[in-house]
Amino acid sequence: MDKRAMDIAVQAMDDYAKACGRKDVDALMDMFAPEEDIVNIGTQGDEWWVGRDALRRGFERMFSEAEAITVRYEDVTVASAGPVCWFSAKATFGMTVDGRRMEITGRNTGVLVERGGKWLIAQSHFSIPAPGAVGSSIPKAA
């Protein structure tokens, strides 16, 4: 196990979860690299955000649609090479929408880059497995 990479990734995931819990867009933006080619991919068809402006709009939309958000991670794997660290984890996003609590468990991957002694997210992706596709790599035709 790459302890250095694990510490870096776990800290980033913990900071991300806390910022989501506070619905703190500025804190989340501070976690992302300054380059305009950063990418965050979510579960909805239009959640392919490239660049800081798109990312900010995406977080603002997410927070406006939910009264509360929680994030927890499990089965974290990490690796690194020099100033780059990547991770994968099962992630559960809990949301309260219109007074009703729901949870979405999916897969989260990310790439962190070191900039000025600070580790920042350059790429993040959250996806939900296709229903009924367990035990097969290719979904069956309807």
N, C-alpha and C. Protein backbone atom coordinates (compact mmCIF):
# COMPACT_ATOMS: atom_id res chain seq x y z
N MET A 1 0.84 -1.19 0.00
CA MET A 1 0.00 0.00 0.00
C MET A 1 0.88 1.25 0.00
N ASP A 2 0.50 2.22 -0.76
CA ASP A 2 1.20 3.49 -0.85
C ASP A 2 0.62 4.42 0.23
N LYS A 3 1.24 4.42 1.42
CA LYS A 3 0.69 5.19 2.55
C LYS A 3 0.61 6.68 2.24
N ARG A 4 1.61 7.21 1.57
CA ARG A 4 1.60 8.64 1.22
C ARG A 4 0.39 8.96 0.35
N ALA A 5 0.18 8.16 -0.68
CA ALA A 5 -0.96 8.38 -1.57
C ALA A 5 -2.28 8.20 -0.83
N MET A 6 -2.36 7.20 0.04
CA MET A 6 -3.59 6.98 0.81
C MET A 6 -3.89 8.19 1.68
N ASP A 7 -2.89 8.73 2.36
CA ASP A 7 -3.10 9.92 3.20
C ASP A 7 -3.58 11.11 2.37
N ILE A 8 -2.98 11.31 1.20
CA ILE A 8 -3.35 12.42 0.32
C ILE A 8 -4.80 12.27 -0.14
N ALA A 9 -5.14 11.08 -0.64
CA ALA A 9 -6.49 10.85 -1.17
C ALA A 9 -7.55 10.91 -0.08
N VAL A 10 -7.29 10.28 1.05
CA VAL A 10 -8.27 10.27 2.14
C VAL A 10 -8.51 11.68 2.64
N GLN A 11 -7.47 12.48 2.74
CA GLN A 11 -7.64 13.88 3.17
C GLN A 11 -8.51 14.64 2.16
N ALA A 12 -8.24 14.45 0.87
CA ALA A 12 -9.02 15.13 -0.16
C ALA A 12 -10.49 14.69 -0.11
N MET A 13 -10.73 13.39 0.04
CA MET A 13 -12.11 12.90 0.10
C MET A 13 -12.82 13.41 1.35
N ASP A 14 -12.12 13.44 2.46
CA ASP A 14 -12.71 13.96 3.71
C ASP A 14 -13.04 15.45 3.56
N ASP A 15 -12.12 16.23 2.99
CA ASP A 15 -12.38 17.66 2.78
C ASP A 15 -13.56 17.87 1.84
N TYR A 16 -13.65 17.05 0.79
CA TYR A 16 -14.75 17.13 -0.18
C TYR A 16 -16.08 16.84 0.53
N ALA A 17 -16.11 15.78 1.32
CA ALA A 17 -17.34 15.41 2.03
C ALA A 17 -17.77 16.52 2.99
N LYS A 18 -16.83 17.10 3.70
CA LYS A 18 -17.16 18.17 4.65
C LYS A 18 -17.68 19.41 3.92
N ALA A 19 -17.05 19.77 2.80
CA ALA A 19 -17.50 20.94 2.04
C ALA A 19 -18.90 20.70 1.47
N CYS A 20 -19.17 19.48 1.00
CA CYS A 20 -20.52 19.17 0.52
C CYS A 20 -21.53 19.27 1.67
N GLY A 21 -21.15 18.77 2.83
CA GLY A 21 -22.04 18.85 3.99
C GLY A 21 -22.39 20.27 4.37
N ARG A 22 -21.46 21.19 4.15
CA ARG A 22 -21.70 22.62 4.44
C ARG A 22 -22.31 23.34 3.23
N LYS A 23 -22.39 22.62 2.09
CA LYS A 23 -22.82 23.21 0.83
C LYS A 23 -21.97 24.44 0.50
N ASP A 24 -20.66 24.26 0.64
CA ASP A 24 -19.69 25.34 0.54
C ASP A 24 -18.99 25.29 -0.84
N VAL A 25 -19.56 26.01 -1.80
CA VAL A 25 -19.02 26.02 -3.16
C VAL A 25 -17.59 26.54 -3.17
N ASP A 26 -17.30 27.61 -2.43
CA ASP A 26 -15.95 28.18 -2.45
C ASP A 26 -14.92 27.18 -1.94
N ALA A 27 -15.25 26.44 -0.88
CA ALA A 27 -14.31 25.44 -0.36
C ALA A 27 -14.07 24.35 -1.40
N LEU A 28 -15.11 23.92 -2.10
CA LEU A 28 -14.93 22.92 -3.15
C LEU A 28 -14.07 23.46 -4.28
N MET A 29 -14.32 24.69 -4.70
CA MET A 29 -13.53 25.27 -5.79
C MET A 29 -12.06 25.36 -5.40
N ASP A 30 -11.78 25.64 -4.13
CA ASP A 30 -10.39 25.71 -3.66
C ASP A 30 -9.70 24.36 -3.70
N MET A 31 -10.48 23.28 -3.79
CA MET A 31 -9.91 21.94 -3.82
C MET A 31 -9.49 21.53 -5.23
N PHE A 32 -9.92 22.29 -6.25
CA PHE A 32 -9.64 21.92 -7.63
C PHE A 32 -8.45 22.70 -8.17
N ALA A 33 -7.72 22.08 -9.08
CA ALA A 33 -6.56 22.69 -9.71
C ALA A 33 -6.98 23.96 -10.46
N PRO A 34 -6.08 24.92 -10.62
CA PRO A 34 -6.43 26.19 -11.26
C PRO A 34 -6.56 26.12 -12.78
N GLU A 35 -6.10 25.04 -13.39
CA GLU A 35 -6.15 24.94 -14.84
C GLU A 35 -7.59 24.89 -15.35
N GLU A 36 -7.80 25.38 -16.54
CA GLU A 36 -9.15 25.41 -17.13
C GLU A 36 -9.54 24.08 -17.75
N ASP A 37 -8.63 23.10 -17.76
CA ASP A 37 -9.00 21.81 -18.33
C ASP A 37 -9.37 20.78 -17.26
N ILE A 38 -9.66 21.24 -16.04
CA ILE A 38 -10.14 20.32 -15.01
C ILE A 38 -11.49 19.76 -15.45
N VAL A 39 -11.79 18.54 -15.00
CA VAL A 39 -13.01 17.87 -15.41
C VAL A 39 -13.68 17.23 -14.20
N ASN A 40 -15.00 17.40 -14.12
CA ASN A 40 -15.80 16.72 -13.11
C ASN A 40 -17.00 16.12 -13.84
N ILE A 41 -17.16 14.81 -13.75
CA ILE A 41 -18.25 14.11 -14.42
C ILE A 41 -19.17 13.53 -13.37
N GLY A 42 -20.45 13.83 -13.50
CA GLY A 42 -21.46 13.32 -12.58
C GLY A 42 -22.37 12.31 -13.25
N THR A 43 -23.49 12.03 -12.62
CA THR A 43 -24.39 10.97 -13.08
C THR A 43 -25.44 11.45 -14.09
N GLN A 44 -25.72 12.72 -14.15
CA GLN A 44 -26.74 13.22 -15.06
C GLN A 44 -26.14 13.49 -16.44
N GLY A 45 -26.95 13.44 -17.47
CA GLY A 45 -26.48 13.58 -18.83
C GLY A 45 -25.71 14.86 -19.10
N ASP A 46 -26.05 15.94 -18.39
CA ASP A 46 -25.37 17.22 -18.62
C ASP A 46 -24.27 17.50 -17.60
N GLU A 47 -23.96 16.53 -16.75
CA GLU A 47 -22.94 16.74 -15.73
C GLU A 47 -21.55 16.30 -16.22
N TRP A 48 -21.08 17.02 -17.21
CA TRP A 48 -19.72 16.85 -17.73
C TRP A 48 -19.14 18.25 -17.73
N TRP A 49 -18.57 18.61 -16.60
CA TRP A 49 -18.15 19.99 -16.38
C TRP A 49 -16.65 20.12 -16.65
N VAL A 50 -16.31 20.94 -17.61
CA VAL A 50 -14.91 21.19 -17.95
C VAL A 50 -14.65 22.67 -17.68
N GLY A 51 -13.64 22.94 -16.88
CA GLY A 51 -13.28 24.32 -16.55
C GLY A 51 -13.93 24.78 -15.25
N ARG A 52 -13.34 25.81 -14.71
CA ARG A 52 -13.75 26.29 -13.39
C ARG A 52 -15.15 26.90 -13.38
N ASP A 53 -15.51 27.64 -14.41
CA ASP A 53 -16.85 28.25 -14.44
C ASP A 53 -17.94 27.18 -14.47
N ALA A 54 -17.76 26.18 -15.32
CA ALA A 54 -18.74 25.09 -15.42
C ALA A 54 -18.81 24.32 -14.10
N LEU A 55 -17.66 24.10 -13.48
CA LEU A 55 -17.62 23.38 -12.21
C LEU A 55 -18.39 24.15 -11.14
N ARG A 56 -18.15 25.45 -11.04
CA ARG A 56 -18.86 26.27 -10.05
C ARG A 56 -20.37 26.20 -10.28
N ARG A 57 -20.79 26.36 -11.54
CA ARG A 57 -22.23 26.30 -11.85
C ARG A 57 -22.82 24.94 -11.46
N GLY A 58 -22.05 23.89 -11.69
CA GLY A 58 -22.52 22.55 -11.33
C GLY A 58 -22.71 22.38 -9.84
N PHE A 59 -21.74 22.84 -9.05
CA PHE A 59 -21.87 22.74 -7.60
C PHE A 59 -23.03 23.61 -7.11
N GLU A 60 -23.16 24.80 -7.66
CA GLU A 60 -24.26 25.68 -7.25
C GLU A 60 -25.61 25.03 -7.54
N ARG A 61 -25.73 24.40 -8.71
CA ARG A 61 -26.98 23.73 -9.04
C ARG A 61 -27.25 22.58 -8.07
N MET A 62 -26.25 21.75 -7.82
CA MET A 62 -26.42 20.61 -6.92
C MET A 62 -26.88 21.07 -5.55
N PHE A 63 -26.24 22.10 -5.02
CA PHE A 63 -26.58 22.57 -3.69
C PHE A 63 -27.95 23.23 -3.64
N SER A 64 -28.38 23.84 -4.74
CA SER A 64 -29.70 24.48 -4.76
C SER A 64 -30.82 23.45 -4.79
N GLU A 65 -30.53 22.24 -5.24
CA GLU A 65 -31.56 21.21 -5.38
C GLU A 65 -31.71 20.33 -4.15
N ALA A 66 -30.80 20.42 -3.20
CA ALA A 66 -30.86 19.56 -2.01
C ALA A 66 -30.78 20.41 -0.76
N GLU A 67 -31.60 20.03 0.22
CA GLU A 67 -31.54 20.74 1.51
C GLU A 67 -30.31 20.34 2.31
N ALA A 68 -29.89 19.08 2.18
CA ALA A 68 -28.72 18.58 2.91
C ALA A 68 -28.03 17.53 2.06
N ILE A 69 -26.72 17.44 2.20
CA ILE A 69 -25.92 16.47 1.46
C ILE A 69 -24.88 15.86 2.39
N THR A 70 -24.73 14.55 2.31
CA THR A 70 -23.64 13.86 3.01
C THR A 70 -22.90 13.01 1.98
N VAL A 71 -21.64 12.75 2.26
CA VAL A 71 -20.84 11.89 1.39
C VAL A 71 -20.01 10.99 2.28
N ARG A 72 -20.02 9.70 1.96
CA ARG A 72 -19.12 8.78 2.67
C ARG A 72 -18.48 7.83 1.66
N TYR A 73 -17.28 7.41 1.99
CA TYR A 73 -16.48 6.58 1.09
C TYR A 73 -16.13 5.26 1.76
N GLU A 74 -15.96 4.22 0.94
CA GLU A 74 -15.46 2.94 1.43
C GLU A 74 -14.71 2.25 0.30
N ASP A 75 -13.97 1.22 0.64
CA ASP A 75 -13.19 0.45 -0.33
C ASP A 75 -12.30 1.35 -1.18
N VAL A 76 -11.55 2.21 -0.52
CA VAL A 76 -10.68 3.18 -1.19
C VAL A 76 -9.41 2.48 -1.67
N THR A 77 -9.05 2.74 -2.94
CA THR A 77 -7.76 2.31 -3.47
C THR A 77 -7.04 3.54 -4.00
N VAL A 78 -5.73 3.56 -3.86
CA VAL A 78 -4.95 4.72 -4.30
C VAL A 78 -3.61 4.28 -4.85
N ALA A 79 -3.02 5.17 -5.62
CA ALA A 79 -1.64 4.99 -6.10
C ALA A 79 -1.11 6.38 -6.43
N SER A 80 0.19 6.46 -6.66
CA SER A 80 0.76 7.75 -7.01
C SER A 80 2.03 7.55 -7.83
N ALA A 81 2.41 8.62 -8.51
CA ALA A 81 3.67 8.68 -9.23
C ALA A 81 4.09 10.14 -9.21
N GLY A 82 5.10 10.44 -8.42
CA GLY A 82 5.57 11.82 -8.32
C GLY A 82 4.47 12.76 -7.86
N PRO A 83 4.22 13.83 -8.63
CA PRO A 83 3.25 14.84 -8.20
C PRO A 83 1.81 14.53 -8.61
N VAL A 84 1.50 13.23 -8.88
CA VAL A 84 0.15 12.83 -9.27
C VAL A 84 -0.30 11.66 -8.39
N CYS A 85 -1.53 11.73 -7.93
CA CYS A 85 -2.13 10.69 -7.10
C CYS A 85 -3.51 10.40 -7.66
N TRP A 86 -3.88 9.12 -7.75
CA TRP A 86 -5.22 8.80 -8.22
C TRP A 86 -5.89 7.86 -7.23
N PHE A 87 -7.23 7.91 -7.20
CA PHE A 87 -7.97 7.10 -6.25
C PHE A 87 -9.25 6.57 -6.88
N SER A 88 -9.76 5.53 -6.27
CA SER A 88 -11.09 5.02 -6.59
C SER A 88 -11.74 4.60 -5.28
N ALA A 89 -13.06 4.69 -5.23
CA ALA A 89 -13.78 4.33 -4.02
C ALA A 89 -15.25 4.13 -4.33
N LYS A 90 -15.90 3.36 -3.49
CA LYS A 90 -17.35 3.35 -3.49
C LYS A 90 -17.76 4.58 -2.71
N ALA A 91 -18.66 5.36 -3.27
CA ALA A 91 -19.10 6.60 -2.62
C ALA A 91 -20.61 6.60 -2.49
N THR A 92 -21.08 6.99 -1.33
CA THR A 92 -22.52 7.11 -1.11
C THR A 92 -22.84 8.58 -0.85
N PHE A 93 -23.64 9.16 -1.74
CA PHE A 93 -24.13 10.52 -1.58
C PHE A 93 -25.51 10.43 -0.97
N GLY A 94 -25.69 11.02 0.20
CA GLY A 94 -26.99 11.12 0.84
C GLY A 94 -27.53 12.52 0.61
N MET A 95 -28.80 12.61 0.25
CA MET A 95 -29.39 13.92 -0.04
C MET A 95 -30.78 14.00 0.58
N THR A 96 -31.11 15.18 1.04
CA THR A 96 -32.47 15.46 1.45
C THR A 96 -33.04 16.42 0.43
N VAL A 97 -34.10 15.98 -0.26
CA VAL A 97 -34.74 16.76 -1.31
C VAL A 97 -36.24 16.81 -1.00
N ASP A 98 -36.79 18.01 -0.92
CA ASP A 98 -38.21 18.18 -0.59
C ASP A 98 -38.57 17.42 0.68
N GLY A 99 -37.67 17.44 1.65
CA GLY A 99 -37.91 16.81 2.94
C GLY A 99 -37.74 15.30 2.97
N ARG A 100 -37.39 14.70 1.83
CA ARG A 100 -37.22 13.25 1.77
C ARG A 100 -35.74 12.90 1.60
N ARG A 101 -35.31 11.94 2.39
CA ARG A 101 -33.92 11.49 2.36
C ARG A 101 -33.75 10.38 1.32
N MET A 102 -32.68 10.46 0.53
CA MET A 102 -32.34 9.41 -0.43
C MET A 102 -30.83 9.22 -0.43
N GLU A 103 -30.41 8.05 -0.87
CA GLU A 103 -28.98 7.77 -1.00
C GLU A 103 -28.70 7.19 -2.37
N ILE A 104 -27.58 7.58 -2.93
CA ILE A 104 -27.10 7.04 -4.20
C ILE A 104 -25.69 6.53 -3.96
N THR A 105 -25.49 5.24 -4.17
CA THR A 105 -24.17 4.65 -4.01
C THR A 105 -23.62 4.36 -5.40
N GLY A 106 -22.41 4.81 -5.63
CA GLY A 106 -21.79 4.61 -6.93
C GLY A 106 -20.29 4.48 -6.80
N ARG A 107 -19.65 4.77 -7.89
CA ARG A 107 -18.20 4.66 -8.00
C ARG A 107 -17.60 6.04 -8.21
N ASN A 108 -16.59 6.34 -7.45
CA ASN A 108 -15.93 7.64 -7.56
C ASN A 108 -14.45 7.42 -7.86
N THR A 109 -13.96 8.11 -8.89
CA THR A 109 -12.54 8.10 -9.18
C THR A 109 -12.07 9.54 -9.26
N GLY A 110 -10.80 9.73 -9.02
CA GLY A 110 -10.26 11.08 -9.11
C GLY A 110 -8.76 11.07 -9.29
N VAL A 111 -8.28 12.20 -9.79
CA VAL A 111 -6.85 12.42 -9.96
C VAL A 111 -6.50 13.71 -9.24
N LEU A 112 -5.49 13.62 -8.39
CA LEU A 112 -4.99 14.78 -7.65
C LEU A 112 -3.61 15.13 -8.17
N VAL A 113 -3.34 16.43 -8.27
CA VAL A 113 -2.03 16.90 -8.71
C VAL A 113 -1.47 17.85 -7.65
N GLU A 114 -0.16 17.82 -7.50
CA GLU A 114 0.48 18.70 -6.53
C GLU A 114 0.80 20.04 -7.20
N ARG A 115 0.32 21.11 -6.59
CA ARG A 115 0.57 22.46 -7.09
C ARG A 115 0.98 23.32 -5.89
N GLY A 116 2.22 23.77 -5.90
CA GLY A 116 2.70 24.64 -4.82
C GLY A 116 2.60 24.00 -3.45
N GLY A 117 2.88 22.71 -3.36
CA GLY A 117 2.84 22.02 -2.07
C GLY A 117 1.45 21.62 -1.62
N LYS A 118 0.45 21.85 -2.44
CA LYS A 118 -0.93 21.53 -2.09
C LYS A 118 -1.48 20.52 -3.10
N TRP A 119 -2.23 19.53 -2.65
CA TRP A 119 -2.81 18.52 -3.53
C TRP A 119 -4.21 18.96 -3.94
N LEU A 120 -4.44 19.03 -5.26
CA LEU A 120 -5.69 19.55 -5.81
C LEU A 120 -6.29 18.57 -6.81
N ILE A 121 -7.59 18.59 -6.91
CA ILE A 121 -8.30 17.69 -7.83
C ILE A 121 -8.18 18.22 -9.25
N ALA A 122 -7.74 17.37 -10.17
CA ALA A 122 -7.69 17.73 -11.59
C ALA A 122 -8.81 17.05 -12.36
N GLN A 123 -9.25 15.90 -11.86
CA GLN A 123 -10.31 15.14 -12.51
C GLN A 123 -11.07 14.34 -11.47
N SER A 124 -12.41 14.32 -11.59
CA SER A 124 -13.25 13.53 -10.71
C SER A 124 -14.41 12.96 -11.51
N HIS A 125 -14.80 11.74 -11.17
CA HIS A 125 -15.88 11.08 -11.90
C HIS A 125 -16.69 10.25 -10.92
N PHE A 126 -18.01 10.46 -10.92
CA PHE A 126 -18.93 9.66 -10.11
C PHE A 126 -19.92 9.00 -11.04
N SER A 127 -20.04 7.68 -10.96
CA SER A 127 -20.98 6.97 -11.82
C SER A 127 -21.78 5.96 -11.00
N ILE A 128 -22.92 5.60 -11.54
CA ILE A 128 -23.79 4.61 -10.91
C ILE A 128 -23.80 3.38 -11.81
N PRO A 129 -23.57 2.19 -11.23
CA PRO A 129 -23.57 0.98 -12.06
C PRO A 129 -24.91 0.79 -12.77
N ALA A 130 -24.87 0.21 -13.96
CA ALA A 130 -26.09 -0.09 -14.70
C ALA A 130 -26.89 -1.15 -13.95
N PRO A 131 -28.19 -0.95 -13.82
CA PRO A 131 -29.00 -1.93 -13.10
C PRO A 131 -29.04 -3.27 -13.85
N GLY A 132 -29.00 -4.35 -13.10
CA GLY A 132 -29.13 -5.67 -13.68
C GLY A 132 -27.93 -6.17 -14.45
N ALA A 133 -26.81 -5.47 -14.40
CA ALA A 133 -25.65 -5.86 -15.19
C ALA A 133 -24.64 -6.69 -14.39
N VAL A 134 -25.01 -7.18 -13.22
CA VAL A 134 -24.09 -7.97 -12.41
C VAL A 134 -23.89 -9.33 -13.08
N GLY A 135 -22.64 -9.74 -13.18
CA GLY A 135 -22.32 -11.03 -13.76
C GLY A 135 -22.15 -11.02 -15.28
N SER A 136 -22.24 -9.84 -15.86
CA SER A 136 -22.07 -9.71 -17.30
C SER A 136 -21.39 -8.38 -17.59
N SER A 137 -20.46 -8.38 -18.51
CA SER A 137 -19.79 -7.14 -18.86
C SER A 137 -20.56 -6.32 -19.87
N ILE A 138 -21.46 -6.96 -20.61
CA ILE A 138 -22.22 -6.28 -21.64
C ILE A 138 -23.70 -6.38 -21.30
N PRO A 139 -24.40 -5.24 -21.15
CA PRO A 139 -25.83 -5.29 -20.85
C PRO A 139 -26.60 -6.05 -21.94
N LYS A 140 -27.62 -6.76 -21.52
CA LYS A 140 -28.46 -7.51 -22.47
C LYS A 140 -29.38 -6.54 -23.22
N ALA A 141 -29.66 -6.83 -24.47
CA ALA A 141 -30.57 -6.01 -25.29
C ALA A 141 -31.98 -6.12 -24.72
N ALA A 142 -32.71 -5.03 -24.79
CA ALA A 142 -34.08 -5.02 -24.26
C ALA A 142 -35.05 -5.72 -25.18
